């Protein structure tokens, strides 16, 4: 027997599973968390660069080239994290959906068999 919550999940996932399976959907829905993940890295680098420029240039003689590489790396991290996080989420929901469909199928077949026996 499926609970009300499980039936609601099946109905919801049936209507959105194809739309959520695209790359653009996964990327756009995962982007806020990916930005939250990468912003502390970016802010710490910016703060060190602007608040203590002499320390930063002493440590790194190639400050301009490395800063561009860091920005490109952060963009790659944002793209990767946003897609992979939402793809993992989609896979987990898809697995739960398929398991619930199997459970519903077994329950329906058992109730049909019991109905015929009576």
N, C-alpha and C. Protein backbone atom coordinates (compact mmCIF):
# COMPACT_ATOMS: atom_id res chain seq x y z
N UNK A 1 0.84 -1.18 0.00
CA UNK A 1 0.00 0.00 0.00
C UNK A 1 0.88 1.24 0.00
N UNK A 2 0.62 2.15 -0.89
CA UNK A 2 1.38 3.39 -0.97
C UNK A 2 0.76 4.46 -0.08
N UNK A 3 1.61 5.22 0.57
CA UNK A 3 1.11 6.32 1.40
C UNK A 3 0.74 7.51 0.51
N UNK A 4 0.07 8.45 1.10
CA UNK A 4 -0.34 9.66 0.36
C UNK A 4 0.88 10.43 -0.13
N UNK A 5 1.91 10.49 0.68
CA UNK A 5 3.13 11.20 0.30
C UNK A 5 3.81 10.52 -0.90
N UNK A 6 3.82 9.20 -0.91
CA UNK A 6 4.42 8.47 -2.02
C UNK A 6 3.62 8.67 -3.31
N UNK A 7 2.32 8.69 -3.21
CA UNK A 7 1.47 8.92 -4.39
C UNK A 7 1.69 10.34 -4.91
N UNK A 8 1.80 11.31 -4.02
CA UNK A 8 2.08 12.69 -4.44
C UNK A 8 3.44 12.79 -5.13
N UNK A 9 4.43 12.08 -4.60
CA UNK A 9 5.75 12.09 -5.23
C UNK A 9 5.69 11.48 -6.63
N UNK A 10 4.98 10.36 -6.79
CA UNK A 10 4.86 9.73 -8.10
C UNK A 10 4.20 10.69 -9.09
N UNK A 11 3.13 11.34 -8.67
CA UNK A 11 2.44 12.29 -9.56
C UNK A 11 3.33 13.47 -9.92
N UNK A 12 4.02 14.00 -8.92
CA UNK A 12 4.91 15.15 -9.17
C UNK A 12 6.06 14.75 -10.09
N UNK A 13 6.71 13.64 -9.80
CA UNK A 13 7.89 13.25 -10.58
C UNK A 13 7.51 12.85 -12.01
N UNK A 14 6.32 12.30 -12.18
CA UNK A 14 5.85 11.96 -13.53
C UNK A 14 5.73 13.23 -14.37
N UNK A 15 5.29 14.31 -13.76
CA UNK A 15 5.08 15.55 -14.53
C UNK A 15 6.38 16.33 -14.78
N UNK A 16 7.40 16.18 -13.93
CA UNK A 16 8.60 17.01 -14.09
C UNK A 16 9.87 16.25 -14.46
N UNK A 17 9.82 14.95 -14.54
CA UNK A 17 11.06 14.17 -14.72
C UNK A 17 11.74 14.44 -16.05
N UNK A 18 11.00 14.60 -17.12
CA UNK A 18 11.60 14.86 -18.43
C UNK A 18 12.18 16.27 -18.47
N UNK A 19 11.44 17.22 -17.92
CA UNK A 19 11.91 18.61 -17.91
C UNK A 19 13.19 18.75 -17.06
N UNK A 20 13.26 18.04 -15.95
CA UNK A 20 14.42 18.14 -15.07
C UNK A 20 15.63 17.34 -15.57
N UNK A 21 15.45 16.54 -16.60
CA UNK A 21 16.55 15.70 -17.07
C UNK A 21 17.50 16.42 -18.02
N UNK A 22 17.17 17.62 -18.47
CA UNK A 22 18.03 18.33 -19.42
C UNK A 22 19.21 18.99 -18.70
N UNK A 23 20.28 19.22 -19.46
CA UNK A 23 21.47 19.86 -18.90
C UNK A 23 21.15 21.27 -18.42
N UNK A 24 20.41 22.02 -19.22
CA UNK A 24 20.12 23.41 -18.84
C UNK A 24 19.29 23.49 -17.57
N UNK A 25 18.37 22.57 -17.40
CA UNK A 25 17.57 22.56 -16.19
C UNK A 25 18.42 22.22 -14.97
N UNK A 26 19.26 21.20 -15.12
CA UNK A 26 20.13 20.82 -14.00
C UNK A 26 21.09 21.94 -13.66
N UNK A 27 21.64 22.58 -14.67
CA UNK A 27 22.59 23.68 -14.43
C UNK A 27 21.92 24.86 -13.75
N UNK A 28 20.76 25.28 -14.27
CA UNK A 28 20.10 26.46 -13.71
C UNK A 28 19.56 26.22 -12.29
N UNK A 29 19.08 25.02 -12.02
CA UNK A 29 18.58 24.75 -10.67
C UNK A 29 19.71 24.54 -9.67
N UNK A 30 20.89 24.13 -10.14
CA UNK A 30 22.03 23.92 -9.25
C UNK A 30 22.92 25.13 -9.09
N UNK A 31 22.69 26.15 -9.92
CA UNK A 31 23.56 27.33 -9.91
C UNK A 31 23.59 28.08 -8.58
N UNK A 32 22.47 28.31 -7.91
CA UNK A 32 22.55 29.04 -6.63
C UNK A 32 23.44 28.37 -5.60
N UNK A 33 23.35 27.06 -5.45
CA UNK A 33 24.18 26.36 -4.47
C UNK A 33 25.64 26.36 -4.91
N UNK A 34 25.88 26.25 -6.20
CA UNK A 34 27.25 26.28 -6.69
C UNK A 34 27.89 27.65 -6.44
N UNK A 35 27.12 28.71 -6.61
CA UNK A 35 27.63 30.05 -6.32
C UNK A 35 27.92 30.21 -4.82
N UNK A 36 27.03 29.69 -3.99
CA UNK A 36 27.28 29.75 -2.55
C UNK A 36 28.53 28.95 -2.18
N UNK A 37 28.78 27.88 -2.89
CA UNK A 37 29.95 27.05 -2.64
C UNK A 37 31.24 27.76 -3.04
N UNK A 38 31.22 28.50 -4.14
CA UNK A 38 32.44 29.11 -4.66
C UNK A 38 32.67 30.56 -4.22
N UNK A 39 31.64 31.24 -3.74
CA UNK A 39 31.81 32.63 -3.33
C UNK A 39 32.81 32.83 -2.19
N UNK A 40 32.86 32.01 -1.18
CA UNK A 40 33.88 32.22 -0.14
C UNK A 40 35.32 32.15 -0.69
N UNK A 41 35.55 31.27 -1.64
CA UNK A 41 36.88 31.18 -2.25
C UNK A 41 37.19 32.48 -2.98
N UNK A 42 36.24 32.93 -3.77
CA UNK A 42 36.43 34.16 -4.54
C UNK A 42 36.62 35.36 -3.62
N UNK A 43 35.78 35.50 -2.60
CA UNK A 43 35.89 36.64 -1.68
C UNK A 43 37.20 36.62 -0.90
N UNK A 44 37.66 35.47 -0.51
CA UNK A 44 38.92 35.43 0.23
C UNK A 44 40.08 35.88 -0.66
N UNK A 45 40.08 35.47 -1.91
CA UNK A 45 41.13 35.91 -2.83
C UNK A 45 41.06 37.40 -3.11
N UNK A 46 39.85 37.91 -3.29
CA UNK A 46 39.68 39.35 -3.55
C UNK A 46 40.10 40.16 -2.34
N UNK A 47 39.71 39.72 -1.16
CA UNK A 47 40.09 40.45 0.05
C UNK A 47 41.60 40.48 0.25
N UNK A 48 42.26 39.37 0.04
CA UNK A 48 43.72 39.34 0.18
C UNK A 48 44.36 40.23 -0.88
N UNK A 49 43.84 40.18 -2.09
CA UNK A 49 44.42 40.95 -3.19
C UNK A 49 44.26 42.45 -2.96
N UNK A 50 43.08 42.90 -2.48
CA UNK A 50 42.84 44.33 -2.32
C UNK A 50 43.24 44.87 -0.95
N UNK A 51 43.12 44.10 0.11
CA UNK A 51 43.44 44.61 1.43
C UNK A 51 44.92 44.52 1.76
N UNK A 52 45.61 43.61 1.13
CA UNK A 52 47.03 43.47 1.40
C UNK A 52 47.80 43.21 0.08
N UNK A 53 47.82 44.22 -0.81
CA UNK A 53 48.43 43.98 -2.12
C UNK A 53 49.94 43.73 -2.06
N UNK A 54 50.63 44.36 -1.12
CA UNK A 54 52.08 44.13 -1.05
C UNK A 54 52.40 42.71 -0.62
N UNK A 55 51.61 42.15 0.26
CA UNK A 55 51.82 40.76 0.66
C UNK A 55 51.54 39.83 -0.51
N UNK A 56 50.46 40.13 -1.25
CA UNK A 56 50.09 39.27 -2.37
C UNK A 56 51.16 39.30 -3.46
N UNK A 57 51.71 40.46 -3.75
CA UNK A 57 52.74 40.54 -4.80
C UNK A 57 54.07 39.94 -4.34
N UNK A 58 54.34 39.98 -3.04
CA UNK A 58 55.55 39.32 -2.53
C UNK A 58 55.45 37.81 -2.71
N UNK A 59 54.27 37.29 -2.45
CA UNK A 59 54.07 35.85 -2.55
C UNK A 59 54.05 35.42 -4.02
N UNK A 60 53.36 36.18 -4.85
CA UNK A 60 53.19 35.79 -6.24
C UNK A 60 53.70 36.89 -7.16
N UNK A 61 54.72 36.61 -7.93
CA UNK A 61 55.26 37.60 -8.87
C UNK A 61 54.41 37.66 -10.14
N UNK A 62 53.56 36.69 -10.35
CA UNK A 62 52.70 36.65 -11.53
C UNK A 62 51.25 36.87 -11.11
N UNK A 63 50.95 37.93 -10.42
CA UNK A 63 49.63 38.13 -9.84
C UNK A 63 48.53 38.21 -10.89
N UNK A 64 48.76 38.92 -11.98
CA UNK A 64 47.68 39.11 -12.95
C UNK A 64 47.35 37.80 -13.67
N UNK A 65 48.33 37.03 -14.05
CA UNK A 65 48.07 35.76 -14.74
C UNK A 65 47.41 34.74 -13.86
N UNK A 66 47.84 34.68 -12.62
CA UNK A 66 47.25 33.71 -11.70
C UNK A 66 45.83 34.08 -11.32
N UNK A 67 45.55 35.36 -11.21
CA UNK A 67 44.19 35.75 -10.83
C UNK A 67 43.20 35.36 -11.93
N UNK A 68 43.62 35.49 -13.18
CA UNK A 68 42.73 35.08 -14.28
C UNK A 68 42.53 33.57 -14.26
N UNK A 69 43.59 32.84 -13.97
CA UNK A 69 43.48 31.38 -13.89
C UNK A 69 42.55 30.97 -12.74
N UNK A 70 42.61 31.69 -11.64
CA UNK A 70 41.75 31.39 -10.50
C UNK A 70 40.29 31.65 -10.85
N UNK A 71 40.02 32.74 -11.56
CA UNK A 71 38.64 33.05 -11.96
C UNK A 71 38.12 31.98 -12.92
N UNK A 72 38.94 31.58 -13.88
CA UNK A 72 38.52 30.52 -14.82
C UNK A 72 38.28 29.22 -14.05
N UNK A 73 39.14 28.92 -13.10
CA UNK A 73 38.95 27.71 -12.29
C UNK A 73 37.65 27.76 -11.50
N UNK A 74 37.33 28.92 -10.95
CA UNK A 74 36.08 29.05 -10.20
C UNK A 74 34.87 28.89 -11.10
N UNK A 75 34.95 29.40 -12.32
CA UNK A 75 33.83 29.23 -13.25
C UNK A 75 33.65 27.75 -13.59
N UNK A 76 34.75 27.04 -13.79
CA UNK A 76 34.68 25.60 -14.07
C UNK A 76 34.10 24.86 -12.86
N UNK A 77 34.51 25.24 -11.67
CA UNK A 77 33.98 24.62 -10.46
C UNK A 77 32.48 24.87 -10.34
N UNK A 78 32.05 26.09 -10.63
CA UNK A 78 30.63 26.43 -10.55
C UNK A 78 29.81 25.58 -11.52
N UNK A 79 30.28 25.49 -12.76
CA UNK A 79 29.56 24.70 -13.77
C UNK A 79 29.51 23.23 -13.35
N UNK A 80 30.64 22.69 -12.95
CA UNK A 80 30.71 21.28 -12.56
C UNK A 80 29.84 20.99 -11.35
N UNK A 81 29.97 21.80 -10.31
CA UNK A 81 29.24 21.56 -9.06
C UNK A 81 27.74 21.68 -9.28
N UNK A 82 27.31 22.70 -10.04
CA UNK A 82 25.87 22.88 -10.23
C UNK A 82 25.28 21.71 -11.01
N UNK A 83 25.96 21.25 -12.06
CA UNK A 83 25.42 20.14 -12.84
C UNK A 83 25.46 18.83 -12.06
N UNK A 84 26.60 18.51 -11.47
CA UNK A 84 26.74 17.21 -10.80
C UNK A 84 25.80 17.11 -9.60
N UNK A 85 25.65 18.17 -8.86
CA UNK A 85 24.76 18.14 -7.70
C UNK A 85 23.32 17.85 -8.12
N UNK A 86 22.85 18.55 -9.15
CA UNK A 86 21.48 18.35 -9.57
C UNK A 86 21.30 17.03 -10.33
N UNK A 87 22.33 16.57 -11.01
CA UNK A 87 22.25 15.27 -11.66
C UNK A 87 22.14 14.17 -10.61
N UNK A 88 22.91 14.28 -9.54
CA UNK A 88 22.81 13.33 -8.44
C UNK A 88 21.41 13.36 -7.84
N UNK A 89 20.88 14.56 -7.64
CA UNK A 89 19.52 14.71 -7.12
C UNK A 89 18.50 14.05 -8.05
N UNK A 90 18.66 14.28 -9.36
CA UNK A 90 17.74 13.71 -10.34
C UNK A 90 17.82 12.18 -10.30
N UNK A 91 19.03 11.64 -10.21
CA UNK A 91 19.20 10.19 -10.16
C UNK A 91 18.54 9.60 -8.91
N UNK A 92 18.68 10.26 -7.79
CA UNK A 92 18.06 9.77 -6.55
C UNK A 92 16.54 9.78 -6.67
N UNK A 93 15.98 10.86 -7.21
CA UNK A 93 14.53 10.94 -7.39
C UNK A 93 14.04 9.91 -8.40
N UNK A 94 14.80 9.71 -9.46
CA UNK A 94 14.43 8.71 -10.47
C UNK A 94 14.44 7.31 -9.87
N UNK A 95 15.43 7.01 -9.06
CA UNK A 95 15.50 5.70 -8.41
C UNK A 95 14.31 5.50 -7.48
N UNK A 96 13.99 6.52 -6.68
CA UNK A 96 12.84 6.42 -5.77
C UNK A 96 11.55 6.26 -6.57
N UNK A 97 11.42 6.98 -7.67
CA UNK A 97 10.24 6.88 -8.53
C UNK A 97 10.07 5.47 -9.09
N UNK A 98 11.15 4.90 -9.60
CA UNK A 98 11.07 3.55 -10.17
C UNK A 98 10.75 2.52 -9.10
N UNK A 99 11.32 2.67 -7.91
CA UNK A 99 11.02 1.75 -6.81
C UNK A 99 9.55 1.85 -6.39
N UNK A 100 9.04 3.08 -6.33
CA UNK A 100 7.63 3.25 -5.95
C UNK A 100 6.70 2.70 -7.02
N UNK A 101 7.07 2.83 -8.29
CA UNK A 101 6.26 2.25 -9.36
C UNK A 101 6.22 0.73 -9.25
N UNK A 102 7.37 0.14 -8.92
CA UNK A 102 7.41 -1.32 -8.72
C UNK A 102 6.54 -1.73 -7.53
N UNK A 103 6.63 -0.96 -6.46
CA UNK A 103 5.83 -1.25 -5.27
C UNK A 103 4.33 -1.14 -5.60
N UNK A 104 3.98 -0.11 -6.36
CA UNK A 104 2.58 0.08 -6.76
C UNK A 104 2.13 -1.06 -7.67
N UNK A 105 2.99 -1.46 -8.58
CA UNK A 105 2.67 -2.56 -9.50
C UNK A 105 2.45 -3.86 -8.74
N UNK A 106 3.31 -4.15 -7.77
CA UNK A 106 3.14 -5.37 -6.95
C UNK A 106 1.86 -5.32 -6.14
N UNK A 107 1.56 -4.14 -5.58
CA UNK A 107 0.34 -4.01 -4.78
C UNK A 107 -0.88 -4.18 -5.66
N UNK A 108 -0.87 -3.59 -6.85
CA UNK A 108 -2.00 -3.73 -7.76
C UNK A 108 -2.19 -5.17 -8.21
N UNK A 109 -1.09 -5.86 -8.49
CA UNK A 109 -1.21 -7.26 -8.92
C UNK A 109 -1.69 -8.15 -7.77
N UNK A 110 -1.23 -7.87 -6.55
CA UNK A 110 -1.68 -8.65 -5.38
C UNK A 110 -3.16 -8.41 -5.10
N UNK A 111 -3.61 -7.17 -5.23
CA UNK A 111 -5.02 -6.88 -4.96
C UNK A 111 -5.91 -7.49 -6.04
N UNK A 112 -5.40 -7.58 -7.28
CA UNK A 112 -6.15 -8.21 -8.36
C UNK A 112 -6.28 -9.71 -8.12
N UNK A 113 -5.19 -10.32 -7.68
CA UNK A 113 -5.20 -11.77 -7.40
C UNK A 113 -6.12 -12.08 -6.23
N UNK A 114 -6.08 -11.24 -5.19
CA UNK A 114 -6.96 -11.46 -4.02
C UNK A 114 -8.42 -11.23 -4.40
N UNK A 115 -8.65 -10.27 -5.30
CA UNK A 115 -10.03 -10.01 -5.75
C UNK A 115 -10.59 -11.18 -6.52
N UNK A 116 -9.78 -11.85 -7.31
CA UNK A 116 -10.23 -13.01 -8.08
C UNK A 116 -10.46 -14.22 -7.18
N UNK A 117 -9.67 -14.34 -6.10
CA UNK A 117 -9.79 -15.47 -5.19
C UNK A 117 -11.09 -15.40 -4.40
N UNK A 118 -11.55 -14.21 -4.16
CA UNK A 118 -12.76 -14.07 -3.35
C UNK A 118 -13.95 -14.22 -4.21
